[in-house]
Amino acid sequence: MPPAPVGPDRLVALGAALPPLRDRARAAAEEVLEHYPEVGDRETQAALDDFVDQAADLLREIDAGAGELAARLQVAARQAGPFALDQRGHVPHDDEVPR
């Protein structure tokens, strides 16, 4: 069953909700990296450092993924609107859009 059509206003609204997520994920990644606890034992410290790095990497991926999703939503909103992509697959500039 194909997905139901979604209006461009809903796509734009969803895209507009993503920048705060990106900002928080980016800030959280920096905050995680600022709090490297020291445990004393070399092996435990290495494992903890790896865990903290992975947590920061995950938060950075959330930031990047939300950015990619916002861009795709913008394209989808334009496709659902009064015009679609041009023959090259690009979003037309405002001066190229037929009125």
PDB file of N, CA and C in Angstrom:
ATOM      1  N   MET A   1       0.842  -1.161   0.000  1.00  0.00           N
ATOM      2  CA  MET A   1       0.000   0.000   0.000  1.00  0.00           C
ATOM      3  C   MET A   1       0.899   1.240   0.000  1.00  0.00           C
ATOM      4  N   PRO A   2       0.714   2.143  -0.958  1.00  0.00           N
ATOM      5  CA  PRO A   2       1.562   3.343  -1.000  1.00  0.00           C
ATOM      6  C   PRO A   2       1.246   4.272   0.163  1.00  0.00           C
ATOM      7  N   PRO A   3       2.229   5.052   0.560  1.00  0.00           N
ATOM      8  CA  PRO A   3       1.988   5.984   1.666  1.00  0.00           C
ATOM      9  C   PRO A   3       0.975   7.052   1.263  1.00  0.00           C
ATOM     10  N   ALA A   4       0.243   7.526   2.238  1.00  0.00           N
ATOM     11  CA  ALA A   4      -0.725   8.589   1.986  1.00  0.00           C
ATOM     12  C   ALA A   4       0.007   9.878   1.670  1.00  0.00           C
ATOM     13  N   PRO A   5      -0.544  10.689   0.772  1.00  0.00           N
ATOM     14  CA  PRO A   5       0.124  11.959   0.474  1.00  0.00           C
ATOM     15  C   PRO A   5       0.131  12.877   1.691  1.00  0.00           C
ATOM     16  N   VAL A   6       1.188  13.626   1.809  1.00  0.00           N
ATOM     17  CA  VAL A   6       1.343  14.551   2.933  1.00  0.00           C
ATOM     18  C   VAL A   6       1.475  15.947   2.349  1.00  0.00           C
ATOM     19  N   GLY A   7       0.768  16.871   2.934  1.00  0.00           N
ATOM     20  CA  GLY A   7       0.805  18.248   2.459  1.00  0.00           C
ATOM     21  C   GLY A   7       2.139  18.907   2.745  1.00  0.00           C
ATOM     22  N   PRO A   8       2.526  19.883   1.914  1.00  0.00           N
ATOM     23  CA  PRO A   8       3.808  20.543   2.114  1.00  0.00           C
ATOM     24  C   PRO A   8       3.907  21.274   3.448  1.00  0.00           C
ATOM     25  N   ASP A   9       2.794  21.762   3.982  1.00  0.00           N
ATOM     26  CA  ASP A   9       2.840  22.462   5.265  1.00  0.00           C
ATOM     27  C   ASP A   9       3.292  21.538   6.396  1.00  0.00           C
ATOM     28  N   ARG A  10       2.837  20.305   6.366  1.00  0.00           N
ATOM     29  CA  ARG A  10       3.243  19.351   7.408  1.00  0.00           C
ATOM     30  C   ARG A  10       4.716  18.987   7.273  1.00  0.00           C
ATOM     31  N   LEU A  11       5.193  18.863   6.025  1.00  0.00           N
ATOM     32  CA  LEU A  11       6.607  18.555   5.806  1.00  0.00           C
ATOM     33  C   LEU A  11       7.494  19.708   6.272  1.00  0.00           C
ATOM     34  N   VAL A  12       7.085  20.933   5.971  1.00  0.00           N
ATOM     35  CA  VAL A  12       7.847  22.106   6.399  1.00  0.00           C
ATOM     36  C   VAL A  12       7.862  22.191   7.926  1.00  0.00           C
ATOM     37  N   ALA A  13       6.716  21.918   8.555  1.00  0.00           N
ATOM     38  CA  ALA A  13       6.647  21.972  10.021  1.00  0.00           C
ATOM     39  C   ALA A  13       7.565  20.935  10.653  1.00  0.00           C
ATOM     40  N   LEU A  14       7.591  19.743  10.093  1.00  0.00           N
ATOM     41  CA  LEU A  14       8.488  18.709  10.621  1.00  0.00           C
ATOM     42  C   LEU A  14       9.942  19.116  10.434  1.00  0.00           C
ATOM     43  N   GLY A  15      10.266  19.645   9.273  1.00  0.00           N
ATOM     44  CA  GLY A  15      11.632  20.107   9.031  1.00  0.00           C
ATOM     45  C   GLY A  15      12.038  21.221   9.976  1.00  0.00           C
ATOM     46  N   ALA A  16      11.081  22.085  10.317  1.00  0.00           N
ATOM     47  CA  ALA A  16      11.371  23.192  11.229  1.00  0.00           C
ATOM     48  C   ALA A  16      11.597  22.705  12.659  1.00  0.00           C
ATOM     49  N   ALA A  17      11.090  21.528  12.993  1.00  0.00           N
ATOM     50  CA  ALA A  17      11.275  20.980  14.346  1.00  0.00           C
ATOM     51  C   ALA A  17      12.648  20.337  14.519  1.00  0.00           C
ATOM     52  N   LEU A  18      13.371  20.112  13.438  1.00  0.00           N
ATOM     53  CA  LEU A  18      14.646  19.401  13.531  1.00  0.00           C
ATOM     54  C   LEU A  18      15.836  20.256  13.992  1.00  0.00           C
ATOM     55  N   PRO A  19      15.918  21.548  13.675  1.00  0.00           N
ATOM     56  CA  PRO A  19      17.081  22.314  14.155  1.00  0.00           C
ATOM     57  C   PRO A  19      17.289  22.283  15.668  1.00  0.00           C
ATOM     58  N   PRO A  20      16.235  22.375  16.497  1.00  0.00           N
ATOM     59  CA  PRO A  20      16.497  22.253  17.943  1.00  0.00           C
ATOM     60  C   PRO A  20      17.081  20.885  18.328  1.00  0.00           C
ATOM     61  N   LEU A  21      16.635  19.832  17.658  1.00  0.00           N
ATOM     62  CA  LEU A  21      17.202  18.501  17.908  1.00  0.00           C
ATOM     63  C   LEU A  21      18.682  18.500  17.557  1.00  0.00           C
ATOM     64  N   ARG A  22      19.023  19.080  16.409  1.00  0.00           N
ATOM     65  CA  ARG A  22      20.418  19.141  15.987  1.00  0.00           C
ATOM     66  C   ARG A  22      21.253  19.917  16.998  1.00  0.00           C
ATOM     67  N   ASP A  23      20.739  21.067  17.429  1.00  0.00           N
ATOM     68  CA  ASP A  23      21.478  21.897  18.389  1.00  0.00           C
ATOM     69  C   ASP A  23      21.716  21.156  19.694  1.00  0.00           C
ATOM     70  N   ARG A  24      20.697  20.475  20.175  1.00  0.00           N
ATOM     71  CA  ARG A  24      20.834  19.749  21.448  1.00  0.00           C
ATOM     72  C   ARG A  24      21.780  18.562  21.323  1.00  0.00           C
ATOM     73  N   ALA A  25      21.696  17.845  20.205  1.00  0.00           N
ATOM     74  CA  ALA A  25      22.594  16.703  20.008  1.00  0.00           C
ATOM     75  C   ALA A  25      24.036  17.175  19.915  1.00  0.00           C
ATOM     76  N   ARG A  26      24.274  18.275  19.196  1.00  0.00           N
ATOM     77  CA  ARG A  26      25.629  18.821  19.060  1.00  0.00           C
ATOM     78  C   ARG A  26      26.170  19.272  20.418  1.00  0.00           C
ATOM     79  N   ALA A  27      25.335  19.976  21.189  1.00  0.00           N
ATOM     80  CA  ALA A  27      25.758  20.439  22.515  1.00  0.00           C
ATOM     81  C   ALA A  27      26.008  19.263  23.453  1.00  0.00           C
ATOM     82  N   ALA A  28      25.165  18.244  23.363  1.00  0.00           N
ATOM     83  CA  ALA A  28      25.339  17.075  24.231  1.00  0.00           C
ATOM     84  C   ALA A  28      26.631  16.336  23.896  1.00  0.00           C
ATOM     85  N   ALA A  29      26.989  16.254  22.620  1.00  0.00           N
ATOM     86  CA  ALA A  29      28.241  15.603  22.231  1.00  0.00           C
ATOM     87  C   ALA A  29      29.429  16.336  22.836  1.00  0.00           C
ATOM     88  N   GLU A  30      29.386  17.663  22.780  1.00  0.00           N
ATOM     89  CA  GLU A  30      30.472  18.444  23.379  1.00  0.00           C
ATOM     90  C   GLU A  30      30.508  18.272  24.892  1.00  0.00           C
ATOM     91  N   GLU A  31      29.331  18.244  25.495  1.00  0.00           N
ATOM     92  CA  GLU A  31      29.272  18.095  26.954  1.00  0.00           C
ATOM     93  C   GLU A  31      29.785  16.729  27.398  1.00  0.00           C
ATOM     94  N   VAL A  32      29.438  15.693  26.660  1.00  0.00           N
ATOM     95  CA  VAL A  32      29.919  14.343  26.997  1.00  0.00           C
ATOM     96  C   VAL A  32      31.437  14.307  26.958  1.00  0.00           C
ATOM     97  N   LEU A  33      32.013  14.938  25.949  1.00  0.00           N
ATOM     98  CA  LEU A  33      33.473  14.915  25.812  1.00  0.00           C
ATOM     99  C   LEU A  33      34.174  15.742  26.887  1.00  0.00           C
ATOM    100  N   GLU A  34      33.470  16.686  27.491  1.00  0.00           N
ATOM    101  CA  GLU A  34      34.056  17.491  28.561  1.00  0.00           C
ATOM    102  C   GLU A  34      34.124  16.732  29.882  1.00  0.00           C
ATOM    103  N   HIS A  35      33.404  15.641  30.000  1.00  0.00           N
ATOM    104  CA  HIS A  35      33.305  14.922  31.267  1.00  0.00           C
ATOM    105  C   HIS A  35      33.948  13.544  31.169  1.00  0.00           C
ATOM    106  N   TYR A  36      35.250  13.526  30.991  1.00  0.00           N
ATOM    107  CA  TYR A  36      35.977  12.258  30.986  1.00  0.00           C
ATOM    108  C   TYR A  36      36.323  11.913  32.431  1.00  0.00           C
ATOM    109  N   PRO A  37      35.593  10.995  33.030  1.00  0.00           N
ATOM    110  CA  PRO A  37      35.940  10.610  34.403  1.00  0.00           C
ATOM    111  C   PRO A  37      37.238   9.793  34.410  1.00  0.00           C
ATOM    112  N   GLU A  38      37.958   9.908  35.485  1.00  0.00           N
ATOM    113  CA  GLU A  38      39.195   9.142  35.644  1.00  0.00           C
ATOM    114  C   GLU A  38      38.959   8.054  36.674  1.00  0.00           C
ATOM    115  N   VAL A  39      39.239   6.816  36.271  1.00  0.00           N
ATOM    116  CA  VAL A  39      38.991   5.688  37.168  1.00  0.00           C
ATOM    117  C   VAL A  39      40.273   5.082  37.716  1.00  0.00           C
ATOM    118  N   GLY A  40      41.411   5.398  37.136  1.00  0.00           N
ATOM    119  CA  GLY A  40      42.671   4.909  37.683  1.00  0.00           C
ATOM    120  C   GLY A  40      43.204   3.677  36.985  1.00  0.00           C
ATOM    121  N   ASP A  41      42.404   2.643  36.841  1.00  0.00           N
ATOM    122  CA  ASP A  41      42.834   1.414  36.192  1.00  0.00           C
ATOM    123  C   ASP A  41      42.943   1.657  34.683  1.00  0.00           C
ATOM    124  N   ARG A  42      44.065   1.279  34.083  1.00  0.00           N
ATOM    125  CA  ARG A  42      44.325   1.561  32.673  1.00  0.00           C
ATOM    126  C   ARG A  42      43.298   0.921  31.742  1.00  0.00           C
ATOM    127  N   GLU A  43      43.009  -0.350  31.939  1.00  0.00           N
ATOM    128  CA  GLU A  43      42.071  -1.046  31.050  1.00  0.00           C
ATOM    129  C   GLU A  43      40.650  -0.497  31.209  1.00  0.00           C
ATOM    130  N   THR A  44      40.263  -0.263  32.440  1.00  0.00           N
ATOM    131  CA  THR A  44      38.929   0.299  32.686  1.00  0.00           C
ATOM    132  C   THR A  44      38.836   1.705  32.107  1.00  0.00           C
ATOM    133  N   GLN A  45      39.905   2.480  32.259  1.00  0.00           N
ATOM    134  CA  GLN A  45      39.922   3.844  31.719  1.00  0.00           C
ATOM    135  C   GLN A  45      39.801   3.818  30.200  1.00  0.00           C
ATOM    136  N   ALA A  46      40.517   2.908  29.553  1.00  0.00           N
ATOM    137  CA  ALA A  46      40.455   2.811  28.092  1.00  0.00           C
ATOM    138  C   ALA A  46      39.043   2.442  27.634  1.00  0.00           C
ATOM    139  N   ALA A  47      38.423   1.502  28.344  1.00  0.00           N
ATOM    140  CA  ALA A  47      37.056   1.114  27.990  1.00  0.00           C
ATOM    141  C   ALA A  47      36.083   2.269  28.193  1.00  0.00           C
ATOM    142  N   LEU A  48      36.255   3.000  29.274  1.00  0.00           N
ATOM    143  CA  LEU A  48      35.386   4.141  29.555  1.00  0.00           C
ATOM    144  C   LEU A  48      35.601   5.248  28.528  1.00  0.00           C
ATOM    145  N   ASP A  49      36.849   5.514  28.166  1.00  0.00           N
ATOM    146  CA  ASP A  49      37.140   6.519  27.146  1.00  0.00           C
ATOM    147  C   ASP A  49      36.500   6.138  25.813  1.00  0.00           C
ATOM    148  N   ASP A  50      36.588   4.865  25.455  1.00  0.00           N
ATOM    149  CA  ASP A  50      35.959   4.393  24.211  1.00  0.00           C
ATOM    150  C   ASP A  50      34.449   4.576  24.265  1.00  0.00           C
ATOM    151  N   PHE A  51      33.852   4.267  25.405  1.00  0.00           N
ATOM    152  CA  PHE A  51      32.408   4.416  25.563  1.00  0.00           C
ATOM    153  C   PHE A  51      31.988   5.883  25.401  1.00  0.00           C
ATOM    154  N   VAL A  52      32.735   6.785  26.031  1.00  0.00           N
ATOM    155  CA  VAL A  52      32.426   8.213  25.940  1.00  0.00           C
ATOM    156  C   VAL A  52      32.569   8.691  24.494  1.00  0.00           C
ATOM    157  N   ASP A  53      33.626   8.235  23.805  1.00  0.00           N
ATOM    158  CA  ASP A  53      33.803   8.598  22.400  1.00  0.00           C
ATOM    159  C   ASP A  53      32.649   8.085  21.545  1.00  0.00           C
ATOM    160  N   GLN A  54      32.203   6.874  21.791  1.00  0.00           N
ATOM    161  CA  GLN A  54      31.087   6.314  21.026  1.00  0.00           C
ATOM    162  C   GLN A  54      29.793   7.074  21.293  1.00  0.00           C
ATOM    163  N   ALA A  55      29.576   7.468  22.537  1.00  0.00           N
ATOM    164  CA  ALA A  55      28.382   8.255  22.863  1.00  0.00           C
ATOM    165  C   ALA A  55      28.419   9.598  22.130  1.00  0.00           C
ATOM    166  N   ALA A  56      29.576  10.245  22.109  1.00  0.00           N
ATOM    167  CA  ALA A  56      29.712  11.518  21.400  1.00  0.00           C
ATOM    168  C   ALA A  56      29.518  11.322  19.898  1.00  0.00           C
ATOM    169  N   ASP A  57      30.076  10.247  19.353  1.00  0.00           N
ATOM    170  CA  ASP A  57      29.898   9.952  17.926  1.00  0.00           C
ATOM    171  C   ASP A  57      28.431   9.729  17.590  1.00  0.00           C
ATOM    172  N   LEU A  58      27.722   9.015  18.446  1.00  0.00           N
ATOM    173  CA  LEU A  58      26.289   8.779  18.230  1.00  0.00           C
ATOM    174  C   LEU A  58      25.521  10.099  18.207  1.00  0.00           C
ATOM    175  N   LEU A  59      25.826  10.980  19.130  1.00  0.00           N
ATOM    176  CA  LEU A  59      25.155  12.278  19.167  1.00  0.00           C
ATOM    177  C   LEU A  59      25.483  13.103  17.929  1.00  0.00           C
ATOM    178  N   ARG A  60      26.715  13.007  17.447  1.00  0.00           N
ATOM    179  CA  ARG A  60      27.079  13.710  16.205  1.00  0.00           C
ATOM    180  C   ARG A  60      26.320  13.129  15.016  1.00  0.00           C
ATOM    181  N   GLU A  61      26.114  11.820  15.011  1.00  0.00           N
ATOM    182  CA  GLU A  61      25.354  11.189  13.925  1.00  0.00           C
ATOM    183  C   GLU A  61      23.883  11.615  13.962  1.00  0.00           C
ATOM    184  N   ILE A  62      23.339  11.779  15.155  1.00  0.00           N
ATOM    185  CA  ILE A  62      21.969  12.285  15.278  1.00  0.00           C
ATOM    186  C   ILE A  62      21.892  13.686  14.682  1.00  0.00           C
ATOM    187  N   ASP A  63      22.874  14.515  14.986  1.00  0.00           N
ATOM    188  CA  ASP A  63      22.944  15.868  14.425  1.00  0.00           C
ATOM    189  C   ASP A  63      22.983  15.803  12.899  1.00  0.00           C
ATOM    190  N   ALA A  64      23.879  15.006  12.358  1.00  0.00           N
ATOM    191  CA  ALA A  64      24.024  14.907  10.903  1.00  0.00           C
ATOM    192  C   ALA A  64      22.773  14.310  10.255  1.00  0.00           C
ATOM    193  N   GLY A  65      22.233  13.271  10.872  1.00  0.00           N
ATOM    194  CA  GLY A  65      21.026  12.638  10.322  1.00  0.00           C
ATOM    195  C   GLY A  65      19.836  13.583  10.308  1.00  0.00           C
ATOM    196  N   ALA A  66      19.697  14.372  11.353  1.00  0.00           N
ATOM    197  CA  ALA A  66      18.604  15.343  11.403  1.00  0.00           C
ATOM    198  C   ALA A  66      18.791  16.405  10.327  1.00  0.00           C
ATOM    199  N   GLY A  67      20.036  16.785  10.057  1.00  0.00           N
ATOM    200  CA  GLY A  67      20.302  17.740   8.982  1.00  0.00           C
ATOM    201  C   GLY A  67      19.933  17.180   7.618  1.00  0.00           C
ATOM    202  N   GLU A  68      20.296  15.924   7.377  1.00  0.00           N
ATOM    203  CA  GLU A  68      19.950  15.282   6.107  1.00  0.00           C
ATOM    204  C   GLU A  68      18.436  15.140   5.964  1.00  0.00           C
ATOM    205  N   LEU A  69      17.777  14.761   7.052  1.00  0.00           N
ATOM    206  CA  LEU A  69      16.324  14.616   7.014  1.00  0.00           C
ATOM    207  C   LEU A  69      15.648  15.958   6.744  1.00  0.00           C
ATOM    208  N   ALA A  70      16.134  17.024   7.352  1.00  0.00           N
ATOM    209  CA  ALA A  70      15.562  18.350   7.128  1.00  0.00           C
ATOM    210  C   ALA A  70      15.684  18.737   5.652  1.00  0.00           C
ATOM    211  N   ALA A  71      16.834  18.438   5.043  1.00  0.00           N
ATOM    212  CA  ALA A  71      17.024  18.749   3.620  1.00  0.00           C
ATOM    213  C   ALA A  71      16.066  17.931   2.758  1.00  0.00           C
ATOM    214  N   ARG A  72      15.903  16.656   3.073  1.00  0.00           N
ATOM    215  CA  ARG A  72      14.974  15.813   2.301  1.00  0.00           C
ATOM    216  C   ARG A  72      13.530  16.270   2.467  1.00  0.00           C
ATOM    217  N   LEU A  73      13.182  16.703   3.663  1.00  0.00           N
ATOM    218  CA  LEU A  73      11.824  17.199   3.889  1.00  0.00           C
ATOM    219  C   LEU A  73      11.563  18.475   3.098  1.00  0.00           C
ATOM    220  N   GLN A  74      12.588  19.315   2.995  1.00  0.00           N
ATOM    221  CA  GLN A  74      12.436  20.534   2.212  1.00  0.00           C
ATOM    222  C   GLN A  74      12.174  20.185   0.749  1.00  0.00           C
ATOM    223  N   VAL A  75      12.927  19.243   0.207  1.00  0.00           N
ATOM    224  CA  VAL A  75      12.725  18.813  -1.171  1.00  0.00           C
ATOM    225  C   VAL A  75      11.340  18.200  -1.335  1.00  0.00           C
ATOM    226  N   ALA A  76      10.951  17.351  -0.395  1.00  0.00           N
ATOM    227  CA  ALA A  76       9.635  16.708  -0.478  1.00  0.00           C
ATOM    228  C   ALA A  76       8.517  17.739  -0.404  1.00  0.00           C
ATOM    229  N   ALA A  77       8.694  18.763   0.422  1.00  0.00           N
ATOM    230  CA  ALA A  77       7.676  19.813   0.526  1.00  0.00           C
ATOM    231  C   ALA A  77       7.555  20.558  -0.793  1.00  0.00           C
ATOM    232  N   ARG A  78       8.677  20.806  -1.438  1.00  0.00           N
ATOM    233  CA  ARG A  78       8.624  21.479  -2.740  1.00  0.00           C
ATOM    234  C   ARG A  78       7.985  20.593  -3.797  1.00  0.00           C
ATOM    235  N   GLN A  79       8.251  19.302  -3.743  1.00  0.00           N
ATOM    236  CA  GLN A  79       7.645  18.380  -4.705  1.00  0.00           C
ATOM    237  C   GLN A  79       6.141  18.275  -4.481  1.00  0.00           C
ATOM    238  N   ALA A  80       5.720  18.345  -3.234  1.00  0.00           N
ATOM    239  CA  ALA A  80       4.297  18.232  -2.924  1.00  0.00           C
ATOM    240  C   ALA A  80       3.568  19.548  -3.185  1.00  0.00           C
ATOM    241  N   GLY A  81       4.348  20.623  -3.351  1.00  0.00           N
ATOM    242  CA  GLY A  81       3.762  21.943  -3.562  1.00  0.00           C
ATOM    243  C   GLY A  81       3.376  22.160  -5.014  1.00  0.00           C
ATOM    244  N   PRO A  82       3.348  23.413  -5.442  1.00  0.00           N
ATOM    245  CA  PRO A  82       2.860  23.731  -6.781  1.00  0.00           C
ATOM    246  C   PRO A  82       3.819  23.365  -7.899  1.00  0.00           C
ATOM    247  N   PHE A  83       5.042  22.908  -7.580  1.00  0.00           N
ATOM    248  CA  PHE A  83       5.990  22.525  -8.616  1.00  0.00           C
ATOM    249  C   PHE A  83       6.819  21.350  -8.134  1.00  0.00           C
ATOM    250  N   ALA A  84       7.493  20.717  -9.056  1.00  0.00           N
ATOM    251  CA  ALA A  84       8.324  19.558  -8.725  1.00  0.00           C
ATOM    252  C   ALA A  84       9.772  19.867  -9.093  1.00  0.00           C
ATOM    253  N   LEU A  85      10.634  18.888  -8.972  1.00  0.00           N
ATOM    254  CA  LEU A  85      12.032  19.063  -9.347  1.00  0.00           C
ATOM    255  C   LEU A  85      12.147  19.231 -10.852  1.00  0.00           C
ATOM    256  N   ASP A  86      13.219  19.900 -11.280  1.00  0.00           N
ATOM    257  CA  ASP A  86      13.433  20.074 -12.717  1.00  0.00           C
ATOM    258  C   ASP A  86      13.981  18.782 -13.324  1.00  0.00           C
ATOM    259  N   GLN A  87      14.301  18.829 -14.617  1.00  0.00           N
ATOM    260  CA  GLN A  87      14.753  17.626 -15.331  1.00  0.00           C
ATOM    261  C   GLN A  87      16.073  17.097 -14.779  1.00  0.00           C
ATOM    262  N   ARG A  88      16.876  17.952 -14.164  1.00  0.00           N
ATOM    263  CA  ARG A  88      18.155  17.527 -13.607  1.00  0.00           C
ATOM    264  C   ARG A  88      18.001  16.917 -12.223  1.00  0.00           C
ATOM    265  N   GLY A  89      16.780  16.995 -11.659  1.00  0.00           N
ATOM    266  CA  GLY A  89      16.556  16.486 -10.315  1.00  0.00           C
ATOM    267  C   GLY A  89      16.859  17.491  -9.238  1.00  0.00           C
ATOM    268  N   HIS A  90      16.954  18.766  -9.599  1.00  0.00           N
ATOM    269  CA  HIS A  90      17.242  19.825  -8.640  1.00  0.00           C
ATOM    270  C   HIS A  90      15.980  20.605  -8.311  1.00  0.00           C
ATOM    271  N   VAL A  91      15.997  21.220  -7.138  1.00  0.00           N
ATOM    272  CA  VAL A  91      14.912  22.112  -6.758  1.00  0.00           C
ATOM    273  C   VAL A  91      15.112  23.407  -7.539  1.00  0.00           C
ATOM    274  N   PRO A  92      14.110  23.838  -8.305  1.00  0.00           N
ATOM    275  CA  PRO A  92      14.274  25.059  -9.079  1.00  0.00           C
ATOM    276  C   PRO A  92      14.436  26.277  -8.175  1.00  0.00           C
ATOM    277  N   HIS A  93      15.194  27.255  -8.662  1.00  0.00           N
ATOM    278  CA  HIS A  93      15.309  28.534  -7.953  1.00  0.00           C
ATOM    279  C   HIS A  93      14.001  29.293  -8.119  1.00  0.00           C
ATOM    280  N   ASP A  94      13.761  30.240  -7.232  1.00  0.00           N
ATOM    281  CA  ASP A  94      12.515  31.001  -7.299  1.00  0.00           C
ATOM    282  C   ASP A  94      12.304  31.665  -8.652  1.00  0.00           C
ATOM    283  N   ASP A  95      13.384  32.124  -9.283  1.00  0.00           N
ATOM    284  CA  ASP A  95      13.213  32.796 -10.577  1.00  0.00           C
ATOM    285  C   ASP A  95      12.961  31.806 -11.710  1.00  0.00           C
ATOM    286  N   GLU A  96      13.110  30.491 -11.484  1.00  0.00           N
ATOM    287  CA  GLU A  96      12.863  29.479 -12.490  1.00  0.00           C
ATOM    288  C   GLU A  96      11.485  28.848 -12.358  1.00  0.00           C
ATOM    289  N   VAL A  97      10.774  29.173 -11.279  1.00  0.00           N
ATOM    290  CA  VAL A  97       9.495  28.545 -11.011  1.00  0.00           C
ATOM    291  C   VAL A  97       8.419  29.231 -11.841  1.00  0.00           C
ATOM    292  N   PRO A  98       7.656  28.463 -12.639  1.00  0.00           N
ATOM    293  CA  PRO A  98       6.559  29.081 -13.403  1.00  0.00           C
ATOM    294  C   PRO A  98       5.494  29.623 -12.466  1.00  0.00           C
ATOM    295  N   ARG A  99       4.974  30.745 -12.794  1.00  0.00           N
ATOM    296  CA  ARG A  99       3.939  31.380 -11.961  1.00  0.00           C
ATOM    297  C   ARG A  99       2.603  31.371 -12.656  1.00  0.00           C
TER     298      ARG A  99
END
